[in-house]
């Protein structure tokens, strides 16, 4: 064998050997110094970055998983299954029945209120920002929790609960649970991130976040209200999640997905709503289904729901990229996930919360993704 060929073989073999996992003590030491452990791609090892370097990556439009708080758990998963690092391709893990609850669902859809969503969106955007380390970010979480609790009380649903999921930072995530008549059945989850960020001045800068992700947040709030108003009592549990700290590496959703994975919870399906209120004037209005970090079986199911119920057609989007939103956290934990987006990439909102200027118009807020109430009802039928 030629020397160059031998050297190439050795280098290639070494590249296939996993690096030594980062120890819990190193994570504790570096975290105490204010460093963050970032997973930048599926084929590289996580790297330590300062807070300033994290912000520089965000300003450059680089997506990543901040795995500082979940790395040890994810390494445990990786030792038994190839789940910890996967990107760019979808997986077909789940199968779902054809839509069959049209009679029950159509009246519920008629009660979904654009006015309610606009009112909620105004309240959310009135917070100076919803940054995960700002007091206004913490207050926004409490506002969502209280809004949901108000609906639980209004519709006399003592079986339904809502609570804050606390993190190591001041902002909490929010989890609302509608129990199933079969409480041990797999959980259907719909989620959105409720934080926002101004990358010029994260803690105190103005970041109304009307479309990123105020729209998805209020879609979930109104979907929750409509289902409770209709007396929705599913067979298997349904949960609504609003995540903290999505804008800085999917921190909130990773924490919750990791918690569920460690607890052995079974999740039937997860759907993320991140930006759902805009499409470029003059373009074709669609529900754009993301093509990566998703379950193909669940995407097929969403297509059938949209076709059955919505005047707006579905379209496949290009891959949104590594760690682009919270569905990726659930996908990495091994759960079926999906992400219907407001428009095909290029026709989506050109001005979102990461910029200091106000977001573009959300005049099309009323087009609540039809997949939301239908997903939870079809997966957890009465």
Protein backbone atom coordinates (compact mmCIF):
# COMPACT_ATOMS: atom_id res chain seq x y z
CA UNK A 1 0.00 0.00 0.00
CA UNK A 2 1.34 3.44 -0.88
CA UNK A 3 2.24 5.63 2.08
CA UNK A 4 -0.23 8.34 1.03
CA UNK A 5 -3.06 5.79 0.85
CA UNK A 6 -2.11 4.42 4.27
CA UNK A 7 -2.04 7.93 5.73
CA UNK A 8 -5.44 8.69 4.21
CA UNK A 9 -6.87 5.50 5.71
CA UNK A 10 -5.49 6.38 9.15
CA UNK A 11 -6.88 9.92 9.01
CA UNK A 12 -10.26 8.65 7.88
CA UNK A 13 -10.35 6.05 10.64
CA UNK A 14 -9.48 8.63 13.27
CA UNK A 15 -12.22 10.91 11.99
CA UNK A 16 -14.74 8.15 12.56
CA UNK A 17 -13.78 7.78 16.20
CA UNK A 18 -16.03 9.84 18.46
CA UNK A 19 -14.34 12.42 20.60
CA UNK A 20 -14.21 11.79 24.33
CA UNK A 21 -17.49 13.05 25.81
CA UNK A 22 -17.32 16.27 27.79
CA UNK A 23 -17.44 15.51 31.49
CA UNK A 24 -20.10 16.87 33.85
CA UNK A 25 -17.35 18.56 35.87
CA UNK A 26 -16.09 20.42 32.78
CA UNK A 27 -19.63 21.51 31.99
CA UNK A 28 -20.12 22.77 35.55
CA UNK A 29 -16.78 24.61 35.55
CA UNK A 30 -17.25 26.30 32.19
CA UNK A 31 -20.90 27.15 32.88
CA UNK A 32 -19.79 28.90 36.07
CA UNK A 33 -17.48 31.01 33.91
CA UNK A 34 -20.43 32.04 31.73
CA UNK A 35 -19.49 29.84 28.77
CA UNK A 36 -22.10 28.07 26.66
CA UNK A 37 -21.73 24.69 24.94
CA UNK A 38 -23.04 24.93 21.37
CA UNK A 39 -23.81 22.17 18.88
CA UNK A 40 -23.31 23.83 15.49
CA UNK A 41 -23.80 20.87 13.14
CA UNK A 42 -24.47 17.15 13.10
CA UNK A 43 -20.94 16.23 12.09
CA UNK A 44 -18.91 18.28 14.57
CA UNK A 45 -18.42 18.12 18.31
CA UNK A 46 -19.97 20.85 20.51
CA UNK A 47 -17.79 23.89 21.20
CA UNK A 48 -17.57 26.34 24.08
CA UNK A 49 -18.48 29.96 23.34
CA UNK A 50 -18.65 33.13 25.37
CA UNK A 51 -21.94 35.06 25.58
CA UNK A 52 -20.54 37.65 23.15
CA UNK A 53 -19.58 34.90 20.71
CA UNK A 54 -23.07 33.43 21.01
CA UNK A 55 -24.58 36.79 20.07
CA UNK A 56 -22.13 37.13 17.17
CA UNK A 57 -23.33 33.77 15.81
CA UNK A 58 -26.96 34.84 16.12
CA UNK A 59 -26.24 38.14 14.34
CA UNK A 60 -24.60 36.14 11.56
CA UNK A 61 -27.74 34.02 11.20
CA UNK A 62 -26.12 30.82 12.48
CA UNK A 63 -28.54 28.38 14.11
CA UNK A 64 -27.41 26.02 16.85
CA UNK A 65 -28.50 23.89 19.77
CA UNK A 66 -27.27 25.28 23.09
CA UNK A 67 -26.69 21.93 24.80
CA UNK A 68 -25.07 23.24 27.97
CA UNK A 69 -27.86 21.92 30.18
CA UNK A 70 -28.82 18.79 28.23
CA UNK A 71 -25.50 17.46 26.91
CA UNK A 72 -25.08 14.76 29.56
CA UNK A 73 -28.58 13.39 28.97
CA UNK A 74 -28.17 13.44 25.20
CA UNK A 75 -24.96 11.47 25.51
CA UNK A 76 -26.90 8.79 27.40
CA UNK A 77 -29.40 8.58 24.55
CA UNK A 78 -26.63 8.41 21.97
CA UNK A 79 -25.16 5.37 23.70
CA UNK A 80 -28.34 3.39 23.02
CA UNK A 81 -29.73 4.96 19.85
CA UNK A 82 -28.53 7.17 17.03
CA UNK A 83 -30.77 10.08 17.97
CA UNK A 84 -28.53 12.80 19.33
CA UNK A 85 -27.22 14.17 16.05
CA UNK A 86 -29.30 14.06 12.93
CA UNK A 87 -30.08 16.75 10.40
CA UNK A 88 -30.92 17.44 6.79
CA UNK A 89 -33.11 14.39 6.37
CA UNK A 90 -36.52 13.41 7.64
CA UNK A 91 -37.54 10.13 9.21
CA UNK A 92 -40.73 8.15 8.81
CA UNK A 93 -41.54 6.85 12.24
CA UNK A 94 -45.27 7.33 12.67
CA UNK A 95 -48.50 6.44 10.91
CA UNK A 96 -51.85 8.14 11.39
CA UNK A 97 -55.41 7.45 10.19
CA UNK A 98 -57.22 9.48 7.57
CA UNK A 99 -59.29 12.46 8.81
CA UNK A 100 -62.62 11.19 10.16
CA UNK A 101 -64.02 13.78 12.59
CA UNK A 102 -65.30 16.42 10.18
CA UNK A 103 -68.74 16.65 11.78
CA UNK A 104 -67.29 17.43 15.20
CA UNK A 105 -64.53 19.73 13.99
CA UNK A 106 -66.14 22.07 11.51
CA UNK A 107 -68.32 23.82 14.13
CA UNK A 108 -65.27 24.33 16.35
CA UNK A 109 -63.33 25.92 13.52
CA UNK A 110 -66.15 28.43 13.05
CA UNK A 111 -65.58 29.70 16.61
CA UNK A 112 -61.89 30.55 16.13
CA UNK A 113 -61.65 34.33 16.60
CA UNK A 114 -59.24 36.62 14.79
CA UNK A 115 -60.25 39.39 17.20
CA UNK A 116 -59.17 37.28 20.16
CA UNK A 117 -55.80 36.64 18.56
CA UNK A 118 -55.30 40.32 17.75
CA UNK A 119 -56.08 41.24 21.35
CA UNK A 120 -53.59 38.70 22.67
CA UNK A 121 -50.97 39.77 20.15
CA UNK A 122 -51.32 43.39 21.21
CA UNK A 123 -50.76 42.41 24.84
CA UNK A 124 -47.67 40.37 23.96
CA UNK A 125 -46.10 43.06 21.79
CA UNK A 126 -46.69 45.65 24.50
CA UNK A 127 -43.94 44.00 26.51
CA UNK A 128 -40.72 45.85 25.70
CA UNK A 129 -39.26 42.49 24.78
CA UNK A 130 -39.72 38.86 25.75
CA UNK A 131 -36.02 38.07 26.11
CA UNK A 132 -35.27 35.05 28.26
CA UNK A 133 -33.06 36.98 30.68
CA UNK A 134 -35.23 40.08 30.97
CA UNK A 135 -37.87 40.74 33.60
CA UNK A 136 -40.29 41.51 30.79
CA UNK A 137 -39.61 38.05 29.38
CA UNK A 138 -40.54 36.53 32.73
CA UNK A 139 -43.65 38.72 32.93
CA UNK A 140 -44.75 37.61 29.46
CA UNK A 141 -44.60 33.97 30.59
CA UNK A 142 -46.77 34.77 33.58
CA UNK A 143 -49.22 36.64 31.34
CA UNK A 144 -49.64 33.59 29.08
CA UNK A 145 -50.07 31.30 32.10
CA UNK A 146 -52.72 33.60 33.55
CA UNK A 147 -54.52 33.93 30.20
CA UNK A 148 -54.77 30.15 29.90
CA UNK A 149 -55.85 29.80 33.53
CA UNK A 150 -58.59 32.30 32.83
CA UNK A 151 -60.00 30.09 30.08
CA UNK A 152 -59.79 27.02 32.33
CA UNK A 153 -61.83 28.88 34.93
CA UNK A 154 -64.25 30.38 32.39
CA UNK A 155 -65.15 27.00 30.95
CA UNK A 156 -65.19 25.22 34.35
CA UNK A 157 -62.53 22.67 33.43
CA UNK A 158 -61.06 21.64 36.76
CA UNK A 159 -59.47 18.66 35.00
CA UNK A 160 -57.32 20.95 32.84
CA UNK A 161 -54.11 22.43 34.25
CA UNK A 162 -51.54 25.05 33.33
CA UNK A 163 -48.19 25.66 34.99
CA UNK A 164 -44.86 27.35 34.54
CA UNK A 165 -41.89 25.13 33.68
CA UNK A 166 -38.98 26.84 35.39
CA UNK A 167 -35.48 27.05 33.94
CA UNK A 168 -32.10 28.27 35.14
CA UNK A 169 -32.92 31.74 33.76
CA UNK A 170 -35.76 34.09 34.73
CA UNK A 171 -38.15 33.26 31.89
CA UNK A 172 -40.32 30.17 32.25
CA UNK A 173 -41.93 27.97 29.64
CA UNK A 174 -45.65 27.25 29.99
CA UNK A 175 -47.39 23.86 29.76
CA UNK A 176 -51.17 23.41 29.61
CA UNK A 177 -52.53 19.87 29.88
CA UNK A 178 -55.88 18.49 28.76
CA UNK A 179 -56.07 14.97 30.22
CA UNK A 180 -57.29 12.03 28.19
CA UNK A 181 -59.89 9.49 29.19
CA UNK A 182 -56.93 7.14 28.72
CA UNK A 183 -54.38 9.04 30.83
CA UNK A 184 -51.61 6.56 30.04
CA UNK A 185 -51.95 7.07 26.28
CA UNK A 186 -49.35 8.90 24.18
CA UNK A 187 -49.36 12.70 24.36
CA UNK A 188 -50.15 15.01 21.46
CA UNK A 189 -48.23 18.30 21.80
CA UNK A 190 -48.55 21.59 19.96
CA UNK A 191 -45.91 24.21 20.70
CA UNK A 192 -44.68 27.71 19.96
CA UNK A 193 -41.88 29.83 21.38
CA UNK A 194 -42.96 32.93 23.27
CA UNK A 195 -39.61 34.72 23.59
CA UNK A 196 -38.21 37.47 21.39
CA UNK A 197 -34.81 39.09 21.00
CA UNK A 198 -33.22 42.34 19.85
CA UNK A 199 -29.68 41.42 18.90
CA UNK A 200 -28.46 44.99 19.17
CA UNK A 201 -29.46 45.19 22.82
CA UNK A 202 -30.91 41.86 24.02
CA UNK A 203 -31.82 42.61 27.62
CA UNK A 204 -33.40 46.05 27.29
CA UNK A 205 -33.81 46.64 23.54
CA UNK A 206 -37.25 46.78 21.98
CA UNK A 207 -38.33 43.43 20.47
CA UNK A 208 -42.12 43.24 20.00
CA UNK A 209 -41.88 39.87 18.25
CA UNK A 210 -45.26 40.18 16.53
CA UNK A 211 -44.60 37.42 14.02
CA UNK A 212 -41.60 35.72 15.62
CA UNK A 213 -43.27 34.23 17.42
CA UNK A 214 -46.22 36.24 18.62
CA UNK A 215 -48.41 34.78 15.90
CA UNK A 216 -47.71 31.16 16.76
CA UNK A 217 -48.13 31.97 20.44
CA UNK A 218 -51.59 33.49 20.01
CA UNK A 219 -52.62 30.74 17.57
CA UNK A 220 -52.06 28.25 20.38
CA UNK A 221 -53.86 30.43 22.93
CA UNK A 222 -56.93 30.72 20.70
CA UNK A 223 -56.84 27.06 19.69
CA UNK A 224 -56.80 26.13 23.37
CA UNK A 225 -59.75 28.42 24.08
CA UNK A 226 -61.80 27.09 21.15
CA UNK A 227 -61.30 23.48 22.22
CA UNK A 228 -62.25 24.16 25.83
CA UNK A 229 -65.29 26.16 24.74
CA UNK A 230 -66.41 23.13 22.71
CA UNK A 231 -66.07 20.81 25.70
CA UNK A 232 -63.18 18.93 24.09
CA UNK A 233 -62.33 15.77 26.04
CA UNK A 234 -59.75 13.70 24.19
CA UNK A 235 -59.09 10.01 24.47
CA UNK A 236 -55.35 10.50 24.92
CA UNK A 237 -53.69 13.53 26.57
CA UNK A 238 -53.17 16.80 24.71
CA UNK A 239 -50.68 19.48 25.73
CA UNK A 240 -50.04 23.06 24.67
CA UNK A 241 -46.48 24.35 25.17
CA UNK A 242 -45.07 27.87 25.00
CA UNK A 243 -41.27 27.79 25.09
CA UNK A 244 -38.77 30.16 26.63
CA UNK A 245 -35.38 30.96 25.09
CA UNK A 246 -35.88 29.55 21.60
CA UNK A 247 -33.99 32.46 20.08
CA UNK A 248 -30.73 31.54 21.83
CA UNK A 249 -30.40 27.87 20.95
CA UNK A 250 -33.76 26.18 21.63
CA UNK A 251 -33.12 26.13 25.37
CA UNK A 252 -36.70 25.83 26.59
CA UNK A 253 -37.88 23.13 24.23
CA UNK A 254 -34.70 21.11 24.70
CA UNK A 255 -35.17 21.18 28.46
CA UNK A 256 -38.76 19.96 28.22
CA UNK A 257 -38.13 17.36 25.51
CA UNK A 258 -35.22 16.05 27.58
CA UNK A 259 -37.41 15.96 30.69
CA UNK A 260 -40.06 13.94 28.84
CA UNK A 261 -37.48 11.61 27.35
CA UNK A 262 -35.90 10.92 30.74
CA UNK A 263 -39.34 10.34 32.27
CA UNK A 264 -40.16 7.78 29.58
CA UNK A 265 -43.18 9.73 28.35
CA UNK A 266 -44.72 8.58 25.09
CA UNK A 267 -45.42 11.36 22.58
CA UNK A 268 -47.75 10.59 19.68
CA UNK A 269 -46.89 13.74 17.74
CA UNK A 270 -45.39 17.21 18.14
CA UNK A 271 -46.19 20.24 15.97
CA UNK A 272 -44.43 23.61 16.17
CA UNK A 273 -45.96 26.95 15.13
CA UNK A 274 -43.16 29.46 14.67
CA UNK A 275 -44.24 32.43 12.51
CA UNK A 276 -47.71 31.90 11.11
CA UNK A 277 -49.09 35.34 10.27
CA UNK A 278 -47.49 36.64 7.08
CA UNK A 279 -46.97 35.86 3.43
CA UNK A 280 -45.43 38.15 0.83
CA UNK A 281 -48.02 40.29 -0.97
CA UNK A 282 -48.54 38.94 -4.47
CA UNK A 283 -47.33 35.45 -3.59
CA UNK A 284 -49.50 32.35 -3.27
CA UNK A 285 -50.77 31.80 0.25
CA UNK A 286 -49.85 28.31 1.48
CA UNK A 287 -49.13 26.34 4.60
CA UNK A 288 -45.49 25.49 4.06
CA UNK A 289 -44.40 22.19 5.57
CA UNK A 290 -40.79 22.05 6.63
CA UNK A 291 -38.69 19.26 5.16
CA UNK A 292 -36.08 18.55 7.84
CA UNK A 293 -36.16 17.49 11.47
CA UNK A 294 -39.65 16.16 10.79
CA UNK A 295 -41.46 12.85 10.64
CA UNK A 296 -42.63 12.09 7.10
CA UNK A 297 -45.65 10.15 8.36
CA UNK A 298 -46.77 13.13 10.43
CA UNK A 299 -46.21 15.49 7.50
CA UNK A 300 -48.36 13.23 5.34
CA UNK A 301 -51.08 13.41 7.98
CA UNK A 302 -50.89 17.22 8.08
CA UNK A 303 -51.25 17.31 4.31
CA UNK A 304 -54.47 15.32 4.57
CA UNK A 305 -55.81 17.62 7.30
CA UNK A 306 -55.05 20.75 5.32
CA UNK A 307 -56.60 19.30 2.17
CA UNK A 308 -59.72 18.20 4.04
CA UNK A 309 -60.41 21.40 5.96
CA UNK A 310 -58.54 24.41 4.66
CA UNK A 311 -59.10 26.82 1.79
CA UNK A 312 -55.32 27.36 1.89
CA UNK A 313 -53.29 24.57 0.23
CA UNK A 314 -50.14 23.00 1.62
CA UNK A 315 -46.75 23.21 -0.04
CA UNK A 316 -43.41 21.65 0.80
CA UNK A 317 -40.72 24.09 1.80
CA UNK A 318 -36.97 23.74 1.47
CA UNK A 319 -35.13 22.49 4.59
CA UNK A 320 -35.10 25.22 7.21
CA UNK A 321 -31.66 24.13 8.44
CA UNK A 322 -29.96 23.00 11.58
CA UNK A 323 -31.77 23.85 14.83
CA UNK A 324 -34.09 26.31 13.10
CA UNK A 325 -36.97 25.95 15.59
CA UNK A 326 -38.30 23.94 18.53
CA UNK A 327 -39.51 20.95 16.50
CA UNK A 328 -35.84 20.00 16.17
CA UNK A 329 -35.60 19.52 19.95
CA UNK A 330 -38.37 16.91 19.87
CA UNK A 331 -36.99 15.24 16.76
CA UNK A 332 -33.60 14.80 18.40
CA UNK A 333 -35.30 13.24 21.40
CA UNK A 334 -36.81 10.63 19.06
CA UNK A 335 -40.39 11.92 18.86
CA UNK A 336 -42.47 12.45 15.66
CA UNK A 337 -42.34 16.17 14.87
CA UNK A 338 -43.61 18.64 12.29
CA UNK A 339 -43.43 22.35 11.52
CA UNK A 340 -45.98 24.10 9.27
CA UNK A 341 -44.65 27.56 8.40
CA UNK A 342 -46.34 30.77 7.26
CA UNK A 343 -44.97 30.72 3.71
CA UNK A 344 -42.47 29.06 1.42
CA UNK A 345 -39.03 30.40 2.26
CA UNK A 346 -38.54 33.68 0.42
CA UNK A 347 -42.21 34.61 0.79
CA UNK A 348 -42.03 34.69 4.59
CA UNK A 349 -41.72 37.72 6.83
CA UNK A 350 -38.56 39.65 5.88
CA UNK A 351 -38.48 41.62 9.14
CA UNK A 352 -38.61 39.60 12.34
CA UNK A 353 -37.71 40.10 15.98
CA UNK A 354 -33.96 39.65 15.67
CA UNK A 355 -33.79 43.10 14.13
CA UNK A 356 -34.34 46.28 16.13
CA UNK A 357 -36.92 47.64 13.70
CA UNK A 358 -40.64 46.81 14.12
CA UNK A 359 -41.82 43.62 12.41
CA UNK A 360 -43.60 43.66 9.09
CA UNK A 361 -47.37 43.73 8.96
CA UNK A 362 -49.24 40.77 10.35
CA UNK A 363 -52.43 41.62 8.52
CA UNK A 364 -52.96 37.98 7.64
CA UNK A 365 -52.95 36.91 11.28
CA UNK A 366 -56.48 35.60 10.89
CA UNK A 367 -55.32 32.65 8.83
CA UNK A 368 -54.82 30.45 11.87
CA UNK A 369 -53.15 27.25 10.65
CA UNK A 370 -56.07 24.90 10.16
CA UNK A 371 -53.86 22.03 11.21
CA UNK A 372 -53.88 23.07 14.88
CA UNK A 373 -57.36 22.19 16.18
CA UNK A 374 -57.64 19.33 13.70
CA UNK A 375 -54.31 17.80 14.70
CA UNK A 376 -55.19 17.57 18.37
CA UNK A 377 -58.72 16.36 17.71
CA UNK A 378 -57.81 13.70 15.16
CA UNK A 379 -54.87 12.34 17.13
CA UNK A 380 -56.89 12.31 20.37
CA UNK A 381 -60.47 11.80 19.20
CA UNK A 382 -63.47 11.96 21.46
